[in-house]
Amino acid sequence: MEGSRRAFIGTALMSTLFQDMRERKIKNMYVAILHQPVRNEASISFVEKLGFSELEEVVNPDHYTWGIYHSTI
């Protein structure tokens, strides 16, 4: 029950954010999700369900790898 409630809250928050973005005429959203040293599968799954797709991976100076995801709102 707790997991499904968290998923509902996350989806509801993102829906509200997307609506606000549409009202402000913001058309693109980008998110960075950690890929290395630990791949954040829960966040990747969440954003993919919201329609995001992975654009690329980037490695920052501390050698962490991030996936860059994009969605058109």
C-alpha atoms as a PDB file:
ATOM      1  CA  MET A   1       0.000   0.000   0.000  1.00  0.00           C
ATOM      2  CA  GLU A   2       2.745   2.446   0.938  1.00  0.00           C
ATOM      3  CA  GLY A   3       4.560   2.017  -2.398  1.00  0.00           C
ATOM      4  CA  SER A   4       1.419   2.556  -4.443  1.00  0.00           C
ATOM      5  CA  ARG A   5       0.543   5.649  -2.442  1.00  0.00           C
ATOM      6  CA  ARG A   6       4.012   7.097  -3.049  1.00  0.00           C
ATOM      7  CA  ALA A   7       3.670   6.362  -6.765  1.00  0.00           C
ATOM      8  CA  PHE A   8       0.288   8.103  -6.826  1.00  0.00           C
ATOM      9  CA  ILE A   9       1.670  11.150  -5.024  1.00  0.00           C
ATOM     10  CA  GLY A  10       4.667  11.362  -7.372  1.00  0.00           C
ATOM     11  CA  THR A  11       2.439  11.089 -10.441  1.00  0.00           C
ATOM     12  CA  ALA A  12       0.020  13.693  -9.058  1.00  0.00           C
ATOM     13  CA  LEU A  13       2.868  16.119  -8.319  1.00  0.00           C
ATOM     14  CA  MET A  14       4.315  15.702 -11.810  1.00  0.00           C
ATOM     15  CA  SER A  15       0.869  16.169 -13.359  1.00  0.00           C
ATOM     16  CA  THR A  16       0.491  19.451 -11.475  1.00  0.00           C
ATOM     17  CA  LEU A  17       3.980  20.523 -12.556  1.00  0.00           C
ATOM     18  CA  PHE A  18       3.232  19.683 -16.215  1.00  0.00           C
ATOM     19  CA  GLN A  19      -0.009  21.676 -16.064  1.00  0.00           C
ATOM     20  CA  ASP A  20       1.841  24.672 -14.623  1.00  0.00           C
ATOM     21  CA  MET A  21       4.470  24.359 -17.347  1.00  0.00           C
ATOM     22  CA  ARG A  22       1.799  24.272 -20.076  1.00  0.00           C
ATOM     23  CA  GLU A  23       0.180  27.414 -18.617  1.00  0.00           C
ATOM     24  CA  ARG A  24       3.575  29.154 -18.701  1.00  0.00           C
ATOM     25  CA  LYS A  25       4.222  27.947 -22.266  1.00  0.00           C
ATOM     26  CA  ILE A  26       7.239  25.871 -21.181  1.00  0.00           C
ATOM     27  CA  LYS A  27       7.521  23.027 -23.683  1.00  0.00           C
ATOM     28  CA  ASN A  28      10.548  20.990 -22.614  1.00  0.00           C
ATOM     29  CA  MET A  29      11.640  19.369 -19.396  1.00  0.00           C
ATOM     30  CA  TYR A  30      14.973  17.710 -18.726  1.00  0.00           C
ATOM     31  CA  VAL A  31      15.924  15.580 -15.729  1.00  0.00           C
ATOM     32  CA  ALA A  32      19.235  14.030 -14.719  1.00  0.00           C
ATOM     33  CA  ILE A  33      19.171  10.627 -13.039  1.00  0.00           C
ATOM     34  CA  LEU A  34      22.165   8.893 -11.530  1.00  0.00           C
ATOM     35  CA  HIS A  35      23.422   5.946 -13.597  1.00  0.00           C
ATOM     36  CA  GLN A  36      26.787   5.219 -11.908  1.00  0.00           C
ATOM     37  CA  PRO A  37      28.004   4.289  -9.348  1.00  0.00           C
ATOM     38  CA  VAL A  38      24.445   3.143  -8.586  1.00  0.00           C
ATOM     39  CA  ARG A  39      21.781   3.111 -11.288  1.00  0.00           C
ATOM     40  CA  ASN A  40      18.565   4.658  -9.963  1.00  0.00           C
ATOM     41  CA  GLU A  41      16.144   2.215 -11.620  1.00  0.00           C
ATOM     42  CA  ALA A  42      13.093   3.479  -9.693  1.00  0.00           C
ATOM     43  CA  SER A  43      13.526   7.030 -10.986  1.00  0.00           C
ATOM     44  CA  ILE A  44      14.267   5.830 -14.517  1.00  0.00           C
ATOM     45  CA  SER A  45      11.112   3.713 -14.540  1.00  0.00           C
ATOM     46  CA  PHE A  46       9.066   6.600 -13.134  1.00  0.00           C
ATOM     47  CA  VAL A  47      10.135   9.163 -15.725  1.00  0.00           C
ATOM     48  CA  GLU A  48       9.785   6.679 -18.588  1.00  0.00           C
ATOM     49  CA  LYS A  49       6.177   6.028 -17.494  1.00  0.00           C
ATOM     50  CA  LEU A  50       5.665   9.806 -17.691  1.00  0.00           C
ATOM     51  CA  GLY A  51       6.897   9.833 -21.286  1.00  0.00           C
ATOM     52  CA  PHE A  52      10.526  10.857 -20.835  1.00  0.00           C
ATOM     53  CA  SER A  53      13.212   9.334 -23.024  1.00  0.00           C
ATOM     54  CA  GLU A  54      16.936   9.121 -22.431  1.00  0.00           C
ATOM     55  CA  LEU A  55      18.977  11.519 -24.548  1.00  0.00           C
ATOM     56  CA  GLU A  56      22.509  10.758 -23.401  1.00  0.00           C
ATOM     57  CA  GLU A  57      24.785   9.903 -20.529  1.00  0.00           C
ATOM     58  CA  VAL A  58      27.258  12.416 -19.155  1.00  0.00           C
ATOM     59  CA  VAL A  59      30.136  11.967 -16.742  1.00  0.00           C
ATOM     60  CA  ASN A  60      30.867  14.855 -14.428  1.00  0.00           C
ATOM     61  CA  PRO A  61      34.279  15.728 -12.882  1.00  0.00           C
ATOM     62  CA  ASP A  62      33.712  13.471  -9.848  1.00  0.00           C
ATOM     63  CA  HIS A  63      33.237  10.524 -12.252  1.00  0.00           C
ATOM     64  CA  TYR A  64      29.543  10.036 -11.560  1.00  0.00           C
ATOM     65  CA  THR A  65      27.530   9.093 -14.644  1.00  0.00           C
ATOM     66  CA  TRP A  66      24.160  10.733 -15.170  1.00  0.00           C
ATOM     67  CA  GLY A  67      21.439   9.897 -17.645  1.00  0.00           C
ATOM     68  CA  ILE A  68      19.815  12.955 -19.205  1.00  0.00           C
ATOM     69  CA  TYR A  69      16.114  12.460 -19.917  1.00  0.00           C
ATOM     70  CA  HIS A  70      13.749  14.698 -21.894  1.00  0.00           C
ATOM     71  CA  SER A  71      10.036  15.151 -22.285  1.00  0.00           C
ATOM     72  CA  THR A  72       8.036  17.518 -24.432  1.00  0.00           C
ATOM     73  CA  ILE A  73       5.203  18.923 -22.358  1.00  0.00           C
END
